[in-house]
Amino acid sequence: MLASLIENRLASDIHGRPLPSARTRTLLTLFRNALAVIISTITIMIVLSEIGVNIAPLLAGAGALGLAISFGSQTLVKDIITGVFIQFENGMNTGDLVTIGPLTGTVERMSIRSVGVRQDTGAYHIIPWSSITTFANFVRGIGSVVANYDVDRHEDADKANQALKDAVAELMENEEIRGLIIGEPNFAGIVGLSYTAFTLRVSFTTLPLKQWTVRFALDSQVKKHFDLVGVRAPVQTY
């Protein structure tokens, strides 16, 4: 009955009720897997008892075996405990874009022992929970764009800054891009100066996972407006 309830909760609803959230689906899947193991074990014991097999020695043996296994399964226990805490803290869910160590990809599968992440190259990685010390989740809350543009130090700073503002103004006129941006852009002015260049900065707050779309569109507009007024990038010297 419990398994049926879980399957029904996970399945799409033909009556128009909302589908479960990613976190709900993840927790239900983990609960279903754990429940299946418990029910299977109890069922086997009951069947053996019904057909006349004395399960007392089995239970005693299982206890001794469990003690022996426990010494060699500390990593497994750590995997499970870490996974449980990450889930209760809503750290990541199926479908999230995450960075774990050097890997960045989409979470495709989560079990009580590990998480499966697929990179944009197609490579699929199985990562034990216990090996995860820190990770970044790009789907939580908001996205951010911090764009720095280096300009030749001999250029007029006011002209370059105005060209950047004109580029952002045209960007904000694009309704599709504007809908991805939260609030207004922040112009920081000159944030760096070297022998060859000064650096202008503008930043945005965006919807989750939309920061790259905004950045690509911004770079295109900045290139266009810098070219219109003749603002040059610094010459690279080697």
C-alpha atoms as a PDB file:
ATOM      1  CA  MET A   1       0.000   0.000   0.000  1.00  0.00           C
ATOM      2  CA  LEU A   2       2.776   2.412   0.911  1.00  0.00           C
ATOM      3  CA  ALA A   3       4.616   1.589  -2.310  1.00  0.00           C
ATOM      4  CA  SER A   4       1.443   2.280  -4.300  1.00  0.00           C
ATOM      5  CA  LEU A   5       0.963   5.604  -2.545  1.00  0.00           C
ATOM      6  CA  ILE A   6       4.540   6.607  -3.341  1.00  0.00           C
ATOM      7  CA  GLU A   7       4.212   5.562  -6.999  1.00  0.00           C
ATOM      8  CA  ASN A   8       0.951   7.486  -7.261  1.00  0.00           C
ATOM      9  CA  ARG A   9       2.583  10.562  -5.741  1.00  0.00           C
ATOM     10  CA  LEU A  10       5.510  10.350  -8.155  1.00  0.00           C
ATOM     11  CA  ALA A  11       3.366   9.810 -11.243  1.00  0.00           C
ATOM     12  CA  SER A  12       1.852  12.595 -13.301  1.00  0.00           C
ATOM     13  CA  ASP A  13      -1.694  13.418 -12.348  1.00  0.00           C
ATOM     14  CA  ILE A  14      -4.331  13.268 -15.099  1.00  0.00           C
ATOM     15  CA  HIS A  15      -6.725  15.287 -12.924  1.00  0.00           C
ATOM     16  CA  GLY A  16      -4.663  18.450 -13.207  1.00  0.00           C
ATOM     17  CA  ARG A  17      -3.245  18.486  -9.707  1.00  0.00           C
ATOM     18  CA  PRO A  18       0.311  19.868  -9.498  1.00  0.00           C
ATOM     19  CA  LEU A  19       3.212  17.465  -9.925  1.00  0.00           C
ATOM     20  CA  PRO A  20       5.500  16.932  -6.916  1.00  0.00           C
ATOM     21  CA  SER A  21       8.485  19.238  -6.601  1.00  0.00           C
ATOM     22  CA  ALA A  22      11.992  18.034  -7.399  1.00  0.00           C
ATOM     23  CA  ARG A  23      12.792  17.738  -3.681  1.00  0.00           C
ATOM     24  CA  THR A  24       9.595  15.791  -3.030  1.00  0.00           C
ATOM     25  CA  ARG A  25      10.345  13.401  -5.905  1.00  0.00           C
ATOM     26  CA  THR A  26      13.884  12.868  -4.632  1.00  0.00           C
ATOM     27  CA  LEU A  27      12.824  12.167  -1.042  1.00  0.00           C
ATOM     28  CA  LEU A  28      10.004   9.879  -2.165  1.00  0.00           C
ATOM     29  CA  THR A  29      12.378   7.905  -4.379  1.00  0.00           C
ATOM     30  CA  LEU A  30      14.893   7.475  -1.552  1.00  0.00           C
ATOM     31  CA  PHE A  31      12.115   6.466   0.837  1.00  0.00           C
ATOM     32  CA  ARG A  32      10.725   3.996  -1.699  1.00  0.00           C
ATOM     33  CA  ASN A  33      14.117   2.323  -2.149  1.00  0.00           C
ATOM     34  CA  ALA A  34      14.724   2.048   1.596  1.00  0.00           C
ATOM     35  CA  LEU A  35      11.194   0.730   2.126  1.00  0.00           C
ATOM     36  CA  ALA A  36      11.675  -1.908  -0.580  1.00  0.00           C
ATOM     37  CA  VAL A  37      14.788  -3.262   1.175  1.00  0.00           C
ATOM     38  CA  ILE A  38      13.045  -3.429   4.564  1.00  0.00           C
ATOM     39  CA  ILE A  39       9.888  -5.085   3.210  1.00  0.00           C
ATOM     40  CA  SER A  40      11.887  -7.599   1.164  1.00  0.00           C
ATOM     41  CA  THR A  41      13.934  -8.634   4.188  1.00  0.00           C
ATOM     42  CA  ILE A  42      10.875  -9.053   6.427  1.00  0.00           C
ATOM     43  CA  THR A  43       8.998 -10.966   3.706  1.00  0.00           C
ATOM     44  CA  ILE A  44      11.854 -13.438   3.241  1.00  0.00           C
ATOM     45  CA  MET A  45      11.992 -14.089   6.972  1.00  0.00           C
ATOM     46  CA  ILE A  46       8.221 -14.652   7.162  1.00  0.00           C
ATOM     47  CA  VAL A  47       8.213 -17.038   4.188  1.00  0.00           C
ATOM     48  CA  LEU A  48      11.100 -19.064   5.611  1.00  0.00           C
ATOM     49  CA  SER A  49       9.316 -19.277   8.958  1.00  0.00           C
ATOM     50  CA  GLU A  50       6.054 -20.396   7.295  1.00  0.00           C
ATOM     51  CA  ILE A  51       7.725 -23.243   5.380  1.00  0.00           C
ATOM     52  CA  GLY A  52       9.269 -24.553   8.573  1.00  0.00           C
ATOM     53  CA  VAL A  53      12.735 -23.095   8.457  1.00  0.00           C
ATOM     54  CA  ASN A  54      14.021 -22.128  11.902  1.00  0.00           C
ATOM     55  CA  ILE A  55      14.988 -18.497  11.440  1.00  0.00           C
ATOM     56  CA  ALA A  56      16.437 -18.065  14.934  1.00  0.00           C
ATOM     57  CA  PRO A  57      19.920 -19.249  13.861  1.00  0.00           C
ATOM     58  CA  LEU A  58      19.588 -17.014  10.798  1.00  0.00           C
ATOM     59  CA  LEU A  59      18.819 -14.025  12.963  1.00  0.00           C
ATOM     60  CA  ALA A  60      21.705 -14.840  15.298  1.00  0.00           C
ATOM     61  CA  GLY A  61      24.005 -15.332  12.323  1.00  0.00           C
ATOM     62  CA  ALA A  62      22.761 -12.104  10.798  1.00  0.00           C
ATOM     63  CA  GLY A  63      23.609 -10.312  14.018  1.00  0.00           C
ATOM     64  CA  ALA A  64      27.146 -11.676  14.044  1.00  0.00           C
ATOM     65  CA  LEU A  65      27.518 -11.027  10.333  1.00  0.00           C
ATOM     66  CA  GLY A  66      26.173  -7.530  10.772  1.00  0.00           C
ATOM     67  CA  LEU A  67      28.762  -6.850  13.487  1.00  0.00           C
ATOM     68  CA  ALA A  68      31.544  -8.057  11.220  1.00  0.00           C
ATOM     69  CA  ILE A  69      30.257  -6.081   8.256  1.00  0.00           C
ATOM     70  CA  SER A  70      29.860  -2.937  10.350  1.00  0.00           C
ATOM     71  CA  PHE A  71      33.621  -2.711  10.802  1.00  0.00           C
ATOM     72  CA  GLY A  72      34.126  -2.776   7.042  1.00  0.00           C
ATOM     73  CA  SER A  73      31.177  -0.609   6.071  1.00  0.00           C
ATOM     74  CA  GLN A  74      31.986   2.641   7.811  1.00  0.00           C
ATOM     75  CA  THR A  75      32.256   4.417   4.459  1.00  0.00           C
ATOM     76  CA  LEU A  76      28.828   3.100   3.446  1.00  0.00           C
ATOM     77  CA  VAL A  77      27.311   4.347   6.700  1.00  0.00           C
ATOM     78  CA  LYS A  78      29.001   7.709   6.194  1.00  0.00           C
ATOM     79  CA  ASP A  79      27.606   7.838   2.635  1.00  0.00           C
ATOM     80  CA  ILE A  80      24.074   7.256   3.907  1.00  0.00           C
ATOM     81  CA  ILE A  81      24.284   9.723   6.802  1.00  0.00           C
ATOM     82  CA  THR A  82      25.802  12.467   4.615  1.00  0.00           C
ATOM     83  CA  GLY A  83      23.167  11.893   1.931  1.00  0.00           C
ATOM     84  CA  VAL A  84      20.355  12.104   4.474  1.00  0.00           C
ATOM     85  CA  PHE A  85      21.638  15.418   5.872  1.00  0.00           C
ATOM     86  CA  ILE A  86      22.098  16.925   2.408  1.00  0.00           C
ATOM     87  CA  GLN A  87      18.534  15.961   1.516  1.00  0.00           C
ATOM     88  CA  PHE A  88      16.994  17.295   4.707  1.00  0.00           C
ATOM     89  CA  GLU A  89      18.856  20.565   4.131  1.00  0.00           C
ATOM     90  CA  ASN A  90      17.460  20.578   0.582  1.00  0.00           C
ATOM     91  CA  GLY A  91      21.015  20.911  -0.755  1.00  0.00           C
ATOM     92  CA  MET A  92      20.357  19.435  -4.183  1.00  0.00           C
ATOM     93  CA  ASN A  93      17.603  17.712  -6.122  1.00  0.00           C
ATOM     94  CA  THR A  94      17.248  15.796  -9.347  1.00  0.00           C
ATOM     95  CA  GLY A  95      17.587  18.190 -12.275  1.00  0.00           C
ATOM     96  CA  ASP A  96      19.746  20.758 -10.438  1.00  0.00           C
ATOM     97  CA  LEU A  97      22.909  22.143 -12.031  1.00  0.00           C
ATOM     98  CA  VAL A  98      25.722  21.658  -9.515  1.00  0.00           C
ATOM     99  CA  THR A  99      29.485  21.826  -9.154  1.00  0.00           C
ATOM    100  CA  ILE A 100      30.989  19.090  -6.986  1.00  0.00           C
ATOM    101  CA  GLY A 101      34.759  19.408  -6.746  1.00  0.00           C
ATOM    102  CA  PRO A 102      36.062  19.811 -10.314  1.00  0.00           C
ATOM    103  CA  LEU A 103      32.843  18.499 -11.890  1.00  0.00           C
ATOM    104  CA  THR A 104      29.939  20.616 -13.114  1.00  0.00           C
ATOM    105  CA  GLY A 105      26.809  18.926 -14.412  1.00  0.00           C
ATOM    106  CA  THR A 106      23.155  18.084 -13.952  1.00  0.00           C
ATOM    107  CA  VAL A 107      21.973  15.782 -11.163  1.00  0.00           C
ATOM    108  CA  GLU A 108      20.279  12.808 -12.853  1.00  0.00           C
ATOM    109  CA  ARG A 109      19.984  10.304 -10.027  1.00  0.00           C
ATOM    110  CA  MET A 110      20.149  10.274  -6.254  1.00  0.00           C
ATOM    111  CA  SER A 111      20.284   7.179  -4.052  1.00  0.00           C
ATOM    112  CA  ILE A 112      20.939   6.602  -0.370  1.00  0.00           C
ATOM    113  CA  ARG A 113      24.643   6.036  -1.166  1.00  0.00           C
ATOM    114  CA  SER A 114      25.566   8.281  -4.083  1.00  0.00           C
ATOM    115  CA  VAL A 115      24.574  10.979  -6.556  1.00  0.00           C
ATOM    116  CA  GLY A 116      24.805  10.679 -10.340  1.00  0.00           C
ATOM    117  CA  VAL A 117      25.921  13.798 -12.245  1.00  0.00           C
ATOM    118  CA  ARG A 118      26.087  14.157 -16.029  1.00  0.00           C
ATOM    119  CA  GLN A 119      28.397  16.774 -17.531  1.00  0.00           C
ATOM    120  CA  ASP A 120      27.557  18.683 -20.698  1.00  0.00           C
ATOM    121  CA  THR A 121      30.134  16.495 -22.470  1.00  0.00           C
ATOM    122  CA  GLY A 122      27.844  13.525 -21.817  1.00  0.00           C
ATOM    123  CA  ALA A 123      30.132  11.946 -19.197  1.00  0.00           C
ATOM    124  CA  TYR A 124      28.224  10.423 -16.280  1.00  0.00           C
ATOM    125  CA  HIS A 125      29.810  10.417 -12.814  1.00  0.00           C
ATOM    126  CA  ILE A 126      28.713   8.468  -9.740  1.00  0.00           C
ATOM    127  CA  ILE A 127      29.851  10.337  -6.629  1.00  0.00           C
ATOM    128  CA  PRO A 128      29.546   8.809  -3.120  1.00  0.00           C
ATOM    129  CA  TRP A 129      27.957  11.194  -0.641  1.00  0.00           C
ATOM    130  CA  SER A 130      30.844  10.802   1.802  1.00  0.00           C
ATOM    131  CA  SER A 131      33.316  12.210  -0.743  1.00  0.00           C
ATOM    132  CA  ILE A 132      31.378  15.490  -1.004  1.00  0.00           C
ATOM    133  CA  THR A 133      32.729  18.153   1.335  1.00  0.00           C
ATOM    134  CA  THR A 134      31.511  21.264  -0.512  1.00  0.00           C
ATOM    135  CA  PHE A 135      29.386  21.837  -3.597  1.00  0.00           C
ATOM    136  CA  ALA A 136      27.709  24.697  -5.455  1.00  0.00           C
ATOM    137  CA  ASN A 137      24.097  24.653  -6.615  1.00  0.00           C
ATOM    138  CA  PHE A 138      23.203  27.062  -9.424  1.00  0.00           C
ATOM    139  CA  VAL A 139      19.436  26.612  -9.045  1.00  0.00           C
ATOM    140  CA  ARG A 140      19.068  28.003  -5.534  1.00  0.00           C
ATOM    141  CA  GLY A 141      17.383  31.408  -5.346  1.00  0.00           C
ATOM    142  CA  ILE A 142      19.053  33.713  -7.865  1.00  0.00           C
ATOM    143  CA  GLY A 143      21.769  33.978 -10.485  1.00  0.00           C
ATOM    144  CA  SER A 144      24.403  36.676 -10.791  1.00  0.00           C
ATOM    145  CA  VAL A 145      26.323  38.353 -13.606  1.00  0.00           C
ATOM    146  CA  VAL A 146      29.457  40.354 -12.808  1.00  0.00           C
ATOM    147  CA  ALA A 147      30.888  41.582 -16.109  1.00  0.00           C
ATOM    148  CA  ASN A 148      34.313  43.243 -16.339  1.00  0.00           C
ATOM    149  CA  TYR A 149      35.461  44.932 -19.545  1.00  0.00           C
ATOM    150  CA  ASP A 150      39.077  45.945 -20.072  1.00  0.00           C
ATOM    151  CA  VAL A 151      39.604  49.136 -22.058  1.00  0.00           C
ATOM    152  CA  ASP A 152      42.866  50.550 -23.411  1.00  0.00           C
ATOM    153  CA  ARG A 153      44.139  52.990 -20.771  1.00  0.00           C
ATOM    154  CA  HIS A 154      44.580  55.729 -23.393  1.00  0.00           C
ATOM    155  CA  GLU A 155      40.852  55.735 -24.164  1.00  0.00           C
ATOM    156  CA  ASP A 156      38.554  58.370 -22.672  1.00  0.00           C
ATOM    157  CA  ALA A 157      37.057  56.784 -19.533  1.00  0.00           C
ATOM    158  CA  ASP A 158      33.831  58.798 -19.713  1.00  0.00           C
ATOM    159  CA  LYS A 159      33.274  57.806 -23.347  1.00  0.00           C
ATOM    160  CA  ALA A 160      33.888  54.132 -22.554  1.00  0.00           C
ATOM    161  CA  ASN A 161      31.601  54.228 -19.515  1.00  0.00           C
ATOM    162  CA  GLN A 162      28.831  55.891 -21.527  1.00  0.00           C
ATOM    163  CA  ALA A 163      29.193  53.260 -24.258  1.00  0.00           C
ATOM    164  CA  LEU A 164      28.776  50.566 -21.591  1.00  0.00           C
ATOM    165  CA  LYS A 165      25.642  52.267 -20.244  1.00  0.00           C
ATOM    166  CA  ASP A 166      24.217  52.574 -23.770  1.00  0.00           C
ATOM    167  CA  ALA A 167      24.852  48.873 -24.322  1.00  0.00           C
ATOM    168  CA  VAL A 168      23.042  47.978 -21.085  1.00  0.00           C
ATOM    169  CA  ALA A 169      20.159  50.316 -21.926  1.00  0.00           C
ATOM    170  CA  GLU A 170      19.630  48.573 -25.269  1.00  0.00           C
ATOM    171  CA  LEU A 171      19.898  45.208 -23.554  1.00  0.00           C
ATOM    172  CA  MET A 172      17.156  46.199 -21.096  1.00  0.00           C
ATOM    173  CA  GLU A 173      14.874  47.112 -23.989  1.00  0.00           C
ATOM    174  CA  ASN A 174      14.857  43.455 -25.036  1.00  0.00           C
ATOM    175  CA  GLU A 175      11.722  42.155 -23.295  1.00  0.00           C
ATOM    176  CA  GLU A 176      12.905  38.552 -23.327  1.00  0.00           C
ATOM    177  CA  ILE A 177      16.213  39.417 -21.629  1.00  0.00           C
ATOM    178  CA  ARG A 178      14.588  41.967 -19.294  1.00  0.00           C
ATOM    179  CA  GLY A 179      12.307  39.242 -18.006  1.00  0.00           C
ATOM    180  CA  LEU A 180      15.379  37.285 -16.854  1.00  0.00           C
ATOM    181  CA  ILE A 181      16.825  40.177 -14.843  1.00  0.00           C
ATOM    182  CA  ILE A 182      15.782  40.989 -11.283  1.00  0.00           C
ATOM    183  CA  GLY A 183      15.901  44.671 -10.407  1.00  0.00           C
ATOM    184  CA  GLU A 184      18.233  47.128 -12.106  1.00  0.00           C
ATOM    185  CA  PRO A 185      21.849  46.827 -13.275  1.00  0.00           C
ATOM    186  CA  ASN A 186      24.596  48.138 -11.020  1.00  0.00           C
ATOM    187  CA  PHE A 187      27.375  50.205 -12.600  1.00  0.00           C
ATOM    188  CA  ALA A 188      30.541  50.156 -10.511  1.00  0.00           C
ATOM    189  CA  GLY A 189      32.618  52.384 -12.794  1.00  0.00           C
ATOM    190  CA  ILE A 190      36.373  51.801 -12.949  1.00  0.00           C
ATOM    191  CA  VAL A 191      37.299  48.866 -10.722  1.00  0.00           C
ATOM    192  CA  GLY A 192      40.843  48.208 -11.945  1.00  0.00           C
ATOM    193  CA  LEU A 193      43.801  50.018 -13.464  1.00  0.00           C
ATOM    194  CA  SER A 194      47.043  48.686 -14.928  1.00  0.00           C
ATOM    195  CA  TYR A 195      49.815  49.911 -17.222  1.00  0.00           C
ATOM    196  CA  THR A 196      47.810  48.907 -20.275  1.00  0.00           C
ATOM    197  CA  ALA A 197      44.129  49.103 -19.319  1.00  0.00           C
ATOM    198  CA  PHE A 198      41.383  50.193 -16.993  1.00  0.00           C
ATOM    199  CA  THR A 199      38.459  47.920 -16.146  1.00  0.00           C
ATOM    200  CA  LEU A 200      34.762  48.836 -16.158  1.00  0.00           C
ATOM    201  CA  ARG A 201      32.230  46.703 -14.289  1.00  0.00           C
ATOM    202  CA  VAL A 202      28.474  46.207 -14.476  1.00  0.00           C
ATOM    203  CA  SER A 203      26.523  43.582 -12.540  1.00  0.00           C
ATOM    204  CA  PHE A 204      23.044  42.050 -12.630  1.00  0.00           C
ATOM    205  CA  THR A 205      20.899  39.786 -10.500  1.00  0.00           C
ATOM    206  CA  THR A 206      19.070  37.211 -12.616  1.00  0.00           C
ATOM    207  CA  LEU A 207      16.679  34.308 -12.358  1.00  0.00           C
ATOM    208  CA  PRO A 208      18.357  30.981 -11.518  1.00  0.00           C
ATOM    209  CA  LEU A 209      20.332  29.483 -14.428  1.00  0.00           C
ATOM    210  CA  LYS A 210      19.684  32.539 -16.615  1.00  0.00           C
ATOM    211  CA  GLN A 211      22.960  34.331 -15.862  1.00  0.00           C
ATOM    212  CA  TRP A 212      24.689  32.839 -18.911  1.00  0.00           C
ATOM    213  CA  THR A 213      21.895  33.903 -21.258  1.00  0.00           C
ATOM    214  CA  VAL A 214      22.086  37.453 -19.906  1.00  0.00           C
ATOM    215  CA  ARG A 215      25.890  37.518 -20.112  1.00  0.00           C
ATOM    216  CA  PHE A 216      25.965  36.336 -23.736  1.00  0.00           C
ATOM    217  CA  ALA A 217      23.436  39.013 -24.733  1.00  0.00           C
ATOM    218  CA  LEU A 218      25.337  41.671 -22.745  1.00  0.00           C
ATOM    219  CA  ASP A 219      28.688  40.875 -24.362  1.00  0.00           C
ATOM    220  CA  SER A 220      27.111  41.185 -27.790  1.00  0.00           C
ATOM    221  CA  GLN A 221      25.708  44.633 -27.001  1.00  0.00           C
ATOM    222  CA  VAL A 222      28.941  45.864 -25.409  1.00  0.00           C
ATOM    223  CA  LYS A 223      30.970  44.783 -28.450  1.00  0.00           C
ATOM    224  CA  LYS A 224      28.493  46.588 -30.707  1.00  0.00           C
ATOM    225  CA  HIS A 225      28.536  49.869 -28.769  1.00  0.00           C
ATOM    226  CA  PHE A 226      32.287  49.883 -28.150  1.00  0.00           C
ATOM    227  CA  ASP A 227      32.806  49.474 -31.909  1.00  0.00           C
ATOM    228  CA  LEU A 228      30.319  52.277 -32.671  1.00  0.00           C
ATOM    229  CA  VAL A 229      32.296  54.866 -30.704  1.00  0.00           C
ATOM    230  CA  GLY A 230      35.740  53.381 -31.261  1.00  0.00           C
ATOM    231  CA  VAL A 231      36.494  52.173 -27.740  1.00  0.00           C
ATOM    232  CA  ARG A 232      39.474  49.833 -27.987  1.00  0.00           C
ATOM    233  CA  ALA A 233      40.513  46.875 -25.906  1.00  0.00           C
ATOM    234  CA  PRO A 234      44.085  46.931 -24.543  1.00  0.00           C
ATOM    235  CA  VAL A 235      46.848  45.619 -26.784  1.00  0.00           C
ATOM    236  CA  GLN A 236      48.268  42.390 -25.437  1.00  0.00           C
ATOM    237  CA  THR A 237      52.030  42.442 -24.924  1.00  0.00           C
ATOM    238  CA  TYR A 238      54.128  39.318 -24.475  1.00  0.00           C
END
